[in-house]
Amino acid sequence: MYGFYPNGYSRFPITTEPGDVKLFQHSAMQFLRPAQELQHLLQTIASQPGFARQVKEAASLNQTDTVKRLIRSMGVTTLGDVKFTPDGLLVVFQSNDKQACFAIRLSLCW
């Protein structure tokens, strides 16, 4: 679902010149903020049992909006999608910049 191309399509053959790295660099630069937000979310879940419990309880009640609100309350602005199952949580981080070509998938077991 969330592969190398977040929009679900492949762009082969490569449409830019091999020496043109502008989009590549732009994507890398845009990756930094979601990576920092992901790290902060992980640290919060790991160090605050109350927060972790709130997320898990909301998920167990199928309250997707509440889970998203809790994640955003940790300062996450690049939240792409949230899914959960009885086994765990999947959070997708994506840049708000449509030119950036990446997505970060975080999958955690309960």
PDB file of N, CA and C in Angstrom:
ATOM      1  N   MET A   1       0.818  -1.187   0.000  1.00  0.00           N
ATOM      2  CA  MET A   1       0.000   0.000   0.000  1.00  0.00           C
ATOM      3  C   MET A   1       0.865   1.255   0.000  1.00  0.00           C
ATOM      4  N   TYR A   2       1.772   1.382   0.933  1.00  0.00           N
ATOM      5  CA  TYR A   2       2.664   2.522   0.988  1.00  0.00           C
ATOM      6  C   TYR A   2       4.041   2.048   0.586  1.00  0.00           C
ATOM      7  N   GLY A   3       4.334   2.136  -0.669  1.00  0.00           N
ATOM      8  CA  GLY A   3       5.618   1.685  -1.166  1.00  0.00           C
ATOM      9  C   GLY A   3       6.548   2.852  -1.370  1.00  0.00           C
ATOM     10  N   PHE A   4       7.471   2.636  -2.257  1.00  0.00           N
ATOM     11  CA  PHE A   4       8.448   3.663  -2.555  1.00  0.00           C
ATOM     12  C   PHE A   4       7.771   4.881  -3.169  1.00  0.00           C
ATOM     13  N   TYR A   5       6.694   4.657  -3.901  1.00  0.00           N
ATOM     14  CA  TYR A   5       5.921   5.746  -4.487  1.00  0.00           C
ATOM     15  C   TYR A   5       4.589   5.824  -3.755  1.00  0.00           C
ATOM     16  N   PRO A   6       4.436   6.793  -2.854  1.00  0.00           N
ATOM     17  CA  PRO A   6       3.255   6.858  -2.001  1.00  0.00           C
ATOM     18  C   PRO A   6       1.937   6.920  -2.763  1.00  0.00           C
ATOM     19  N   ASN A   7       1.953   7.409  -3.986  1.00  0.00           N
ATOM     20  CA  ASN A   7       0.709   7.514  -4.742  1.00  0.00           C
ATOM     21  C   ASN A   7       0.355   6.220  -5.455  1.00  0.00           C
ATOM     22  N   GLY A   8       1.163   5.177  -5.299  1.00  0.00           N
ATOM     23  CA  GLY A   8       0.830   3.876  -5.822  1.00  0.00           C
ATOM     24  C   GLY A   8       1.205   3.622  -7.267  1.00  0.00           C
ATOM     25  N   TYR A   9       2.037   4.456  -7.854  1.00  0.00           N
ATOM     26  CA  TYR A   9       2.427   4.209  -9.228  1.00  0.00           C
ATOM     27  C   TYR A   9       3.940   4.273  -9.364  1.00  0.00           C
ATOM     28  N   SER A  10       4.442   3.533 -10.303  1.00  0.00           N
ATOM     29  CA  SER A  10       5.879   3.504 -10.569  1.00  0.00           C
ATOM     30  C   SER A  10       6.197   4.524 -11.651  1.00  0.00           C
ATOM     31  N   ARG A  11       7.338   5.167 -11.542  1.00  0.00           N
ATOM     32  CA  ARG A  11       7.700   6.174 -12.529  1.00  0.00           C
ATOM     33  C   ARG A  11       8.835   5.698 -13.417  1.00  0.00           C
ATOM     34  N   PHE A  12       8.970   4.396 -13.628  1.00  0.00           N
ATOM     35  CA  PHE A  12      10.006   3.892 -14.519  1.00  0.00           C
ATOM     36  C   PHE A  12       9.559   4.060 -15.942  1.00  0.00           C
ATOM     37  N   PRO A  13      10.413   4.372 -16.887  1.00  0.00           N
ATOM     38  CA  PRO A  13      11.820   4.659 -16.663  1.00  0.00           C
ATOM     39  C   PRO A  13      12.007   5.994 -15.939  1.00  0.00           C
ATOM     40  N   ILE A  14      13.177   6.160 -15.360  1.00  0.00           N
ATOM     41  CA  ILE A  14      13.495   7.380 -14.615  1.00  0.00           C
ATOM     42  C   ILE A  14      13.300   8.574 -15.534  1.00  0.00           C
ATOM     43  N   THR A  15      12.579   9.572 -15.047  1.00  0.00           N
ATOM     44  CA  THR A  15      12.209  10.707 -15.891  1.00  0.00           C
ATOM     45  C   THR A  15      13.143  11.901 -15.763  1.00  0.00           C
ATOM     46  N   THR A  16      14.142  11.818 -14.912  1.00  0.00           N
ATOM     47  CA  THR A  16      15.103  12.912 -14.786  1.00  0.00           C
ATOM     48  C   THR A  16      16.479  12.420 -15.200  1.00  0.00           C
ATOM     49  N   GLU A  17      17.309  13.351 -15.543  1.00  0.00           N
ATOM     50  CA  GLU A  17      18.684  13.020 -15.909  1.00  0.00           C
ATOM     51  C   GLU A  17      19.413  12.474 -14.684  1.00  0.00           C
ATOM     52  N   PRO A  18      20.300  11.494 -14.867  1.00  0.00           N
ATOM     53  CA  PRO A  18      21.028  10.927 -13.724  1.00  0.00           C
ATOM     54  C   PRO A  18      21.782  11.971 -12.904  1.00  0.00           C
ATOM     55  N   GLY A  19      22.249  13.025 -13.544  1.00  0.00           N
ATOM     56  CA  GLY A  19      22.993  14.058 -12.831  1.00  0.00           C
ATOM     57  C   GLY A  19      22.110  15.056 -12.102  1.00  0.00           C
ATOM     58  N   ASP A  20      20.816  15.039 -12.368  1.00  0.00           N
ATOM     59  CA  ASP A  20      19.886  15.975 -11.734  1.00  0.00           C
ATOM     60  C   ASP A  20      19.419  15.385 -10.405  1.00  0.00           C
ATOM     61  N   VAL A  21      19.910  15.929  -9.322  1.00  0.00           N
ATOM     62  CA  VAL A  21      19.597  15.395  -7.993  1.00  0.00           C
ATOM     63  C   VAL A  21      18.690  16.324  -7.183  1.00  0.00           C
ATOM     64  N   LYS A  22      18.112  17.328  -7.823  1.00  0.00           N
ATOM     65  CA  LYS A  22      17.303  18.311  -7.083  1.00  0.00           C
ATOM     66  C   LYS A  22      16.119  17.666  -6.355  1.00  0.00           C
ATOM     67  N   LEU A  23      15.328  16.843  -7.042  1.00  0.00           N
ATOM     68  CA  LEU A  23      14.186  16.202  -6.399  1.00  0.00           C
ATOM     69  C   LEU A  23      14.649  15.245  -5.308  1.00  0.00           C
ATOM     70  N   PHE A  24      15.724  14.509  -5.580  1.00  0.00           N
ATOM     71  CA  PHE A  24      16.296  13.576  -4.611  1.00  0.00           C
ATOM     72  C   PHE A  24      16.683  14.321  -3.330  1.00  0.00           C
ATOM     73  N   GLN A  25      17.379  15.450  -3.490  1.00  0.00           N
ATOM     74  CA  GLN A  25      17.793  16.247  -2.341  1.00  0.00           C
ATOM     75  C   GLN A  25      16.582  16.867  -1.640  1.00  0.00           C
ATOM     76  N   HIS A  26      15.620  17.329  -2.428  1.00  0.00           N
ATOM     77  CA  HIS A  26      14.414  17.925  -1.848  1.00  0.00           C
ATOM     78  C   HIS A  26      13.678  16.899  -0.987  1.00  0.00           C
ATOM     79  N   SER A  27      13.534  15.679  -1.502  1.00  0.00           N
ATOM     80  CA  SER A  27      12.866  14.626  -0.737  1.00  0.00           C
ATOM     81  C   SER A  27      13.620  14.322   0.553  1.00  0.00           C
ATOM     82  N   ALA A  28      14.948  14.270   0.467  1.00  0.00           N
ATOM     83  CA  ALA A  28      15.761  14.010   1.663  1.00  0.00           C
ATOM     84  C   ALA A  28      15.580  15.126   2.689  1.00  0.00           C
ATOM     85  N   MET A  29      15.561  16.365   2.227  1.00  0.00           N
ATOM     86  CA  MET A  29      15.387  17.503   3.136  1.00  0.00           C
ATOM     87  C   MET A  29      14.003  17.453   3.797  1.00  0.00           C
ATOM     88  N   GLN A  30      12.981  17.150   3.020  1.00  0.00           N
ATOM     89  CA  GLN A  30      11.625  17.085   3.548  1.00  0.00           C
ATOM     90  C   GLN A  30      11.427  15.898   4.485  1.00  0.00           C
ATOM     91  N   PHE A  31      12.273  14.876   4.369  1.00  0.00           N
ATOM     92  CA  PHE A  31      12.211  13.679   5.202  1.00  0.00           C
ATOM     93  C   PHE A  31      12.597  13.989   6.648  1.00  0.00           C
ATOM     94  N   LEU A  32      13.418  15.008   6.849  1.00  0.00           N
ATOM     95  CA  LEU A  32      13.978  15.287   8.171  1.00  0.00           C
ATOM     96  C   LEU A  32      12.910  15.578   9.226  1.00  0.00           C
ATOM     97  N   ARG A  33      11.945  16.411   8.901  1.00  0.00           N
ATOM     98  CA  ARG A  33      10.923  16.763   9.902  1.00  0.00           C
ATOM     99  C   ARG A  33      10.090  15.545  10.314  1.00  0.00           C
ATOM    100  N   PRO A  34       9.531  14.778   9.360  1.00  0.00           N
ATOM    101  CA  PRO A  34       8.791  13.581   9.781  1.00  0.00           C
ATOM    102  C   PRO A  34       9.656  12.609  10.584  1.00  0.00           C
ATOM    103  N   ALA A  35      10.930  12.507  10.247  1.00  0.00           N
ATOM    104  CA  ALA A  35      11.816  11.608  10.999  1.00  0.00           C
ATOM    105  C   ALA A  35      11.959  12.083  12.445  1.00  0.00           C
ATOM    106  N   GLN A  36      12.073  13.394  12.643  1.00  0.00           N
ATOM    107  CA  GLN A  36      12.158  13.939  14.002  1.00  0.00           C
ATOM    108  C   GLN A  36      10.847  13.719  14.757  1.00  0.00           C
ATOM    109  N   GLU A  37       9.730  13.919  14.063  1.00  0.00           N
ATOM    110  CA  GLU A  37       8.432  13.713  14.702  1.00  0.00           C
ATOM    111  C   GLU A  37       8.230  12.248  15.073  1.00  0.00           C
ATOM    112  N   LEU A  38       8.659  11.346  14.204  1.00  0.00           N
ATOM    113  CA  LEU A  38       8.573   9.914  14.485  1.00  0.00           C
ATOM    114  C   LEU A  38       9.381   9.577  15.731  1.00  0.00           C
ATOM    115  N   GLN A  39      10.603  10.100  15.813  1.00  0.00           N
ATOM    116  CA  GLN A  39      11.451   9.833  16.975  1.00  0.00           C
ATOM    117  C   GLN A  39      10.795  10.362  18.253  1.00  0.00           C
ATOM    118  N   HIS A  40      10.234  11.556  18.189  1.00  0.00           N
ATOM    119  CA  HIS A  40       9.577  12.135  19.370  1.00  0.00           C
ATOM    120  C   HIS A  40       8.371  11.289  19.791  1.00  0.00           C
ATOM    121  N   LEU A  41       7.579  10.837  18.814  1.00  0.00           N
ATOM    122  CA  LEU A  41       6.429   9.991  19.134  1.00  0.00           C
ATOM    123  C   LEU A  41       6.879   8.694  19.794  1.00  0.00           C
ATOM    124  N   LEU A  42       7.923   8.072  19.254  1.00  0.00           N
ATOM    125  CA  LEU A  42       8.435   6.831  19.848  1.00  0.00           C
ATOM    126  C   LEU A  42       8.927   7.056  21.276  1.00  0.00           C
ATOM    127  N   GLN A  43       9.644   8.156  21.491  1.00  0.00           N
ATOM    128  CA  GLN A  43      10.136   8.455  22.836  1.00  0.00           C
ATOM    129  C   GLN A  43       8.974   8.669  23.806  1.00  0.00           C
ATOM    130  N   THR A  44       7.919   9.321  23.342  1.00  0.00           N
ATOM    131  CA  THR A  44       6.754   9.564  24.190  1.00  0.00           C
ATOM    132  C   THR A  44       6.057   8.257  24.545  1.00  0.00           C
ATOM    133  N   ILE A  45       5.841   7.406  23.550  1.00  0.00           N
ATOM    134  CA  ILE A  45       5.201   6.112  23.811  1.00  0.00           C
ATOM    135  C   ILE A  45       6.052   5.294  24.778  1.00  0.00           C
ATOM    136  N   ALA A  46       7.363   5.303  24.561  1.00  0.00           N
ATOM    137  CA  ALA A  46       8.271   4.498  25.387  1.00  0.00           C
ATOM    138  C   ALA A  46       8.375   5.009  26.821  1.00  0.00           C
ATOM    139  N   SER A  47       8.257   6.318  27.019  1.00  0.00           N
ATOM    140  CA  SER A  47       8.515   6.872  28.350  1.00  0.00           C
ATOM    141  C   SER A  47       7.260   7.290  29.115  1.00  0.00           C
ATOM    142  N   GLN A  48       6.110   7.321  28.455  1.00  0.00           N
ATOM    143  CA  GLN A  48       4.885   7.762  29.126  1.00  0.00           C
ATOM    144  C   GLN A  48       3.802   6.681  29.022  1.00  0.00           C
ATOM    145  N   PRO A  49       3.739   5.792  30.013  1.00  0.00           N
ATOM    146  CA  PRO A  49       2.756   4.714  29.960  1.00  0.00           C
ATOM    147  C   PRO A  49       1.312   5.216  29.859  1.00  0.00           C
ATOM    148  N   GLY A  50       1.026   6.364  30.444  1.00  0.00           N
ATOM    149  CA  GLY A  50      -0.330   6.914  30.367  1.00  0.00           C
ATOM    150  C   GLY A  50      -0.721   7.253  28.936  1.00  0.00           C
ATOM    151  N   PHE A  51       0.206   7.854  28.202  1.00  0.00           N
ATOM    152  CA  PHE A  51      -0.053   8.183  26.798  1.00  0.00           C
ATOM    153  C   PHE A  51      -0.215   6.908  25.981  1.00  0.00           C
ATOM    154  N   ALA A  52       0.689   5.960  26.183  1.00  0.00           N
ATOM    155  CA  ALA A  52       0.617   4.687  25.454  1.00  0.00           C
ATOM    156  C   ALA A  52      -0.722   3.999  25.720  1.00  0.00           C
ATOM    157  N   ARG A  53      -1.160   4.033  26.961  1.00  0.00           N
ATOM    158  CA  ARG A  53      -2.433   3.405  27.333  1.00  0.00           C
ATOM    159  C   ARG A  53      -3.607   4.100  26.640  1.00  0.00           C
ATOM    160  N   GLN A  54      -3.575   5.438  26.595  1.00  0.00           N
ATOM    161  CA  GLN A  54      -4.650   6.184  25.931  1.00  0.00           C
ATOM    162  C   GLN A  54      -4.754   5.805  24.452  1.00  0.00           C
ATOM    163  N   VAL A  55      -3.620   5.714  23.784  1.00  0.00           N
ATOM    164  CA  VAL A  55      -3.612   5.359  22.361  1.00  0.00           C
ATOM    165  C   VAL A  55      -4.172   3.957  22.172  1.00  0.00           C
ATOM    166  N   LYS A  56      -3.685   3.028  22.969  1.00  0.00           N
ATOM    167  CA  LYS A  56      -4.122   1.636  22.827  1.00  0.00           C
ATOM    168  C   LYS A  56      -5.606   1.479  23.155  1.00  0.00           C
ATOM    169  N   GLU A  57      -6.074   2.149  24.197  1.00  0.00           N
ATOM    170  CA  GLU A  57      -7.489   2.055  24.562  1.00  0.00           C
ATOM    171  C   GLU A  57      -8.382   2.649  23.475  1.00  0.00           C
ATOM    172  N   ALA A  58      -7.989   3.803  22.923  1.00  0.00           N
ATOM    173  CA  ALA A  58      -8.777   4.413  21.844  1.00  0.00           C
ATOM    174  C   ALA A  58      -8.810   3.494  20.623  1.00  0.00           C
ATOM    175  N   ALA A  59      -7.689   2.875  20.323  1.00  0.00           N
ATOM    176  CA  ALA A  59      -7.640   1.945  19.191  1.00  0.00           C
ATOM    177  C   ALA A  59      -8.536   0.739  19.447  1.00  0.00           C
ATOM    178  N   SER A  60      -8.530   0.233  20.675  1.00  0.00           N
ATOM    179  CA  SER A  60      -9.357  -0.940  20.989  1.00  0.00           C
ATOM    180  C   SER A  60     -10.847  -0.630  20.869  1.00  0.00           C
ATOM    181  N   LEU A  61     -11.199   0.649  20.983  1.00  0.00           N
ATOM    182  CA  LEU A  61     -12.587   1.085  20.823  1.00  0.00           C
ATOM    183  C   LEU A  61     -12.864   1.561  19.398  1.00  0.00           C
ATOM    184  N   ASN A  62     -11.888   1.367  18.504  1.00  0.00           N
ATOM    185  CA  ASN A  62     -11.993   1.743  17.089  1.00  0.00           C
ATOM    186  C   ASN A  62     -12.205   3.248  16.908  1.00  0.00           C
ATOM    187  N   GLN A  63     -11.566   4.040  17.755  1.00  0.00           N
ATOM    188  CA  GLN A  63     -11.696   5.496  17.718  1.00  0.00           C
ATOM    189  C   GLN A  63     -10.512   6.102  16.962  1.00  0.00           C
ATOM    190  N   THR A  64     -10.565   5.975  15.648  1.00  0.00           N
ATOM    191  CA  THR A  64      -9.467   6.443  14.799  1.00  0.00           C
ATOM    192  C   THR A  64      -9.181   7.922  15.009  1.00  0.00           C
ATOM    193  N   ASP A  65     -10.218   8.750  15.050  1.00  0.00           N
ATOM    194  CA  ASP A  65     -10.012  10.192  15.228  1.00  0.00           C
ATOM    195  C   ASP A  65      -9.324  10.504  16.551  1.00  0.00           C
ATOM    196  N   THR A  66      -9.654   9.770  17.591  1.00  0.00           N
ATOM    197  CA  THR A  66      -9.014   9.981  18.891  1.00  0.00           C
ATOM    198  C   THR A  66      -7.544   9.583  18.832  1.00  0.00           C
ATOM    199  N   VAL A  67      -7.244   8.465  18.183  1.00  0.00           N
ATOM    200  CA  VAL A  67      -5.846   8.039  18.043  1.00  0.00           C
ATOM    201  C   VAL A  67      -5.064   9.099  17.275  1.00  0.00           C
ATOM    202  N   LYS A  68      -5.630   9.606  16.182  1.00  0.00           N
ATOM    203  CA  LYS A  68      -4.956  10.653  15.402  1.00  0.00           C
ATOM    204  C   LYS A  68      -4.758  11.912  16.242  1.00  0.00           C
ATOM    205  N   ARG A  69      -5.782  12.293  17.001  1.00  0.00           N
ATOM    206  CA  ARG A  69      -5.678  13.490  17.846  1.00  0.00           C
ATOM    207  C   ARG A  69      -4.571  13.329  18.878  1.00  0.00           C
ATOM    208  N   LEU A  70      -4.493  12.153  19.495  1.00  0.00           N
ATOM    209  CA  LEU A  70      -3.445  11.896  20.482  1.00  0.00           C
ATOM    210  C   LEU A  70      -2.063  11.987  19.845  1.00  0.00           C
ATOM    211  N   ILE A  71      -1.915  11.409  18.671  1.00  0.00           N
ATOM    212  CA  ILE A  71      -0.617  11.456  17.983  1.00  0.00           C
ATOM    213  C   ILE A  71      -0.275  12.896  17.618  1.00  0.00           C
ATOM    214  N   ARG A  72      -1.250  13.633  17.111  1.00  0.00           N
ATOM    215  CA  ARG A  72      -1.000  15.041  16.761  1.00  0.00           C
ATOM    216  C   ARG A  72      -0.679  15.874  18.000  1.00  0.00           C
ATOM    217  N   SER A  73      -1.221  15.478  19.153  1.00  0.00           N
ATOM    218  CA  SER A  73      -0.960  16.228  20.384  1.00  0.00           C
ATOM    219  C   SER A  73       0.513  16.162  20.781  1.00  0.00           C
ATOM    220  N   MET A  74       1.249  15.246  20.213  1.00  0.00           N
ATOM    221  CA  MET A  74       2.684  15.130  20.469  1.00  0.00           C
ATOM    222  C   MET A  74       3.493  15.998  19.511  1.00  0.00           C
ATOM    223  N   GLY A  75       2.816  16.845  18.740  1.00  0.00           N
ATOM    224  CA  GLY A  75       3.508  17.743  17.825  1.00  0.00           C
ATOM    225  C   GLY A  75       3.685  17.180  16.429  1.00  0.00           C
ATOM    226  N   VAL A  76       3.031  16.077  16.132  1.00  0.00           N
ATOM    227  CA  VAL A  76       3.155  15.473  14.807  1.00  0.00           C
ATOM    228  C   VAL A  76       2.296  16.264  13.826  1.00  0.00           C
ATOM    229  N   THR A  77       2.944  16.855  12.834  1.00  0.00           N
ATOM    230  CA  THR A  77       2.243  17.632  11.805  1.00  0.00           C
ATOM    231  C   THR A  77       2.262  16.926  10.459  1.00  0.00           C
ATOM    232  N   THR A  78       3.008  15.841  10.350  1.00  0.00           N
ATOM    233  CA  THR A  78       3.169  15.147   9.072  1.00  0.00           C
ATOM    234  C   THR A  78       2.471  13.788   9.083  1.00  0.00           C
ATOM    235  N   LEU A  79       1.369  13.706   9.795  1.00  0.00           N
ATOM    236  CA  LEU A  79       0.628  12.457   9.905  1.00  0.00           C
ATOM    237  C   LEU A  79      -0.108  12.188   8.601  1.00  0.00           C
ATOM    238  N   GLY A  80       0.233  11.062   7.970  1.00  0.00           N
ATOM    239  CA  GLY A  80      -0.423  10.697   6.723  1.00  0.00           C
ATOM    240  C   GLY A  80      -1.627   9.808   6.960  1.00  0.00           C
ATOM    241  N   ASP A  81      -1.445   8.748   7.726  1.00  0.00           N
ATOM    242  CA  ASP A  81      -2.517   7.788   7.953  1.00  0.00           C
ATOM    243  C   ASP A  81      -2.248   7.028   9.247  1.00  0.00           C
ATOM    244  N   VAL A  82      -3.296   6.519   9.837  1.00  0.00           N
ATOM    245  CA  VAL A  82      -3.198   5.690  11.038  1.00  0.00           C
ATOM    246  C   VAL A  82      -4.131   4.504  10.853  1.00  0.00           C
ATOM    247  N   LYS A  83      -3.606   3.330  11.104  1.00  0.00           N
ATOM    248  CA  LYS A  83      -4.417   2.112  11.080  1.00  0.00           C
ATOM    249  C   LYS A  83      -4.023   1.285  12.295  1.00  0.00           C
ATOM    250  N   PHE A  84      -4.942   0.473  12.774  1.00  0.00           N
ATOM    251  CA  PHE A  84      -4.614  -0.402  13.890  1.00  0.00           C
ATOM    252  C   PHE A  84      -5.403  -1.687  13.762  1.00  0.00           C
ATOM    253  N   THR A  85      -4.833  -2.709  14.366  1.00  0.00           N
ATOM    254  CA  THR A  85      -5.439  -4.035  14.394  1.00  0.00           C
ATOM    255  C   THR A  85      -5.342  -4.529  15.833  1.00  0.00           C
ATOM    256  N   PRO A  86      -5.889  -5.689  16.121  1.00  0.00           N
ATOM    257  CA  PRO A  86      -5.692  -6.243  17.462  1.00  0.00           C
ATOM    258  C   PRO A  86      -4.215  -6.509  17.780  1.00  0.00           C
ATOM    259  N   ASP A  87      -3.376  -6.583  16.741  1.00  0.00           N
ATOM    260  CA  ASP A  87      -1.956  -6.882  16.935  1.00  0.00           C
ATOM    261  C   ASP A  87      -1.064  -5.659  17.073  1.00  0.00           C
ATOM    262  N   GLY A  88      -1.489  -4.509  16.560  1.00  0.00           N
ATOM    263  CA  GLY A  88      -0.593  -3.373  16.623  1.00  0.00           C
ATOM    264  C   GLY A  88      -1.101  -2.130  15.926  1.00  0.00           C
ATOM    265  N   LEU A  89      -0.187  -1.193  15.770  1.00  0.00           N
ATOM    266  CA  LEU A  89      -0.461   0.144  15.262  1.00  0.00           C
ATOM    267  C   LEU A  89       0.415   0.413  14.051  1.00  0.00           C
ATOM    268  N   LEU A  90      -0.160   1.032  13.011  1.00  0.00           N
ATOM    269  CA  LEU A  90       0.587   1.474  11.837  1.00  0.00           C
ATOM    270  C   LEU A  90       0.365   2.971  11.691  1.00  0.00           C
ATOM    271  N   VAL A  91       1.456   3.722  11.680  1.00  0.00           N
ATOM    272  CA  VAL A  91       1.394   5.168  11.503  1.00  0.00           C
ATOM    273  C   VAL A  91       2.238   5.511  10.286  1.00  0.00           C
ATOM    274  N   VAL A  92       1.664   6.289   9.376  1.00  0.00           N
ATOM    275  CA  VAL A  92       2.385   6.716   8.179  1.00  0.00           C
ATOM    276  C   VAL A  92       2.641   8.212   8.291  1.00  0.00           C
ATOM    277  N   PHE A  93       3.902   8.576   8.130  1.00  0.00           N
ATOM    278  CA  PHE A  93       4.321   9.974   8.140  1.00  0.00           C
ATOM    279  C   PHE A  93       4.618  10.373   6.701  1.00  0.00           C
ATOM    280  N   GLN A  94       4.063  11.504   6.256  1.00  0.00           N
ATOM    281  CA  GLN A  94       4.327  12.016   4.919  1.00  0.00           C
ATOM    282  C   GLN A  94       4.478  13.523   4.996  1.00  0.00           C
ATOM    283  N   SER A  95       5.303  14.035   4.108  1.00  0.00           N
ATOM    284  CA  SER A  95       5.483  15.477   4.047  1.00  0.00           C
ATOM    285  C   SER A  95       4.209  16.124   3.523  1.00  0.00           C
ATOM    286  N   ASN A  96       3.944  17.325   3.962  1.00  0.00           N
ATOM    287  CA  ASN A  96       2.826  18.098   3.425  1.00  0.00           C
ATOM    288  C   ASN A  96       3.162  18.661   2.055  1.00  0.00           C
ATOM    289  N   ASP A  97       4.434  18.611   1.686  1.00  0.00           N
ATOM    290  CA  ASP A  97       4.916  19.089   0.393  1.00  0.00           C
ATOM    291  C   ASP A  97       4.707  17.990  -0.645  1.00  0.00           C
ATOM    292  N   LYS A  98       3.855  18.235  -1.626  1.00  0.00           N
ATOM    293  CA  LYS A  98       3.521  17.215  -2.630  1.00  0.00           C
ATOM    294  C   LYS A  98       4.702  16.897  -3.543  1.00  0.00           C
ATOM    295  N   GLN A  99       5.712  17.762  -3.588  1.00  0.00           N
ATOM    296  CA  GLN A  99       6.901  17.499  -4.401  1.00  0.00           C
ATOM    297  C   GLN A  99       7.794  16.435  -3.773  1.00  0.00           C
ATOM    298  N   ALA A 100       7.747  16.323  -2.454  1.00  0.00           N
ATOM    299  CA  ALA A 100       8.588  15.343  -1.759  1.00  0.00           C
ATOM    300  C   ALA A 100       8.057  13.946  -2.051  1.00  0.00           C
ATOM    301  N   CYS A 101       8.962  13.038  -2.308  1.00  0.00           N
ATOM    302  CA  CYS A 101       8.580  11.691  -2.745  1.00  0.00           C
ATOM    303  C   CYS A 101       9.050  10.662  -1.716  1.00  0.00           C
ATOM    304  N   PHE A 102       8.293  10.503  -0.625  1.00  0.00           N
ATOM    305  CA  PHE A 102       8.641   9.523   0.395  1.00  0.00           C
ATOM    306  C   PHE A 102       7.467   9.340   1.340  1.00  0.00           C
ATOM    307  N   ALA A 103       7.521   8.289   2.090  1.00  0.00           N
ATOM    308  CA  ALA A 103       6.612   8.062   3.214  1.00  0.00           C
ATOM    309  C   ALA A 103       7.369   7.204   4.216  1.00  0.00           C
ATOM    310  N   ILE A 104       7.132   7.436   5.493  1.00  0.00           N
ATOM    311  CA  ILE A 104       7.747   6.633   6.551  1.00  0.00           C
ATOM    312  C   ILE A 104       6.629   5.836   7.213  1.00  0.00           C
ATOM    313  N   ARG A 105       6.786   4.535   7.236  1.00  0.00           N
ATOM    314  CA  ARG A 105       5.809   3.665   7.908  1.00  0.00           C
ATOM    315  C   ARG A 105       6.372   3.202   9.239  1.00  0.00           C
ATOM    316  N   LEU A 106       5.634   3.450  10.287  1.00  0.00           N
ATOM    317  CA  LEU A 106       5.992   2.979  11.623  1.00  0.00           C
ATOM    318  C   LEU A 106       4.974   1.921  12.013  1.00  0.00           C
ATOM    319  N   SER A 107       5.452   0.737  12.286  1.00  0.00           N
ATOM    320  CA  SER A 107       4.578  -0.360  12.678  1.00  0.00           C
ATOM    321  C   SER A 107       5.034  -0.867  14.041  1.00  0.00           C
ATOM    322  N   LEU A 108       4.129  -0.819  15.021  1.00  0.00           N
ATOM    323  CA  LEU A 108       4.446  -1.250  16.384  1.00  0.00           C
ATOM    324  C   LEU A 108       3.442  -2.293  16.848  1.00  0.00           C
ATOM    325  N   CYS A 109       3.938  -3.330  17.474  1.00  0.00           N
ATOM    326  CA  CYS A 109       3.058  -4.334  18.082  1.00  0.00           C
ATOM    327  C   CYS A 109       2.582  -3.814  19.428  1.00  0.00           C
ATOM    328  N   TRP A 110       1.369  -4.176  19.794  1.00  0.00           N
ATOM    329  CA  TRP A 110       0.855  -3.800  21.106  1.00  0.00           C
ATOM    330  C   TRP A 110       1.611  -4.565  22.153  1.00  0.00           C
TER     331      TRP A 110
END
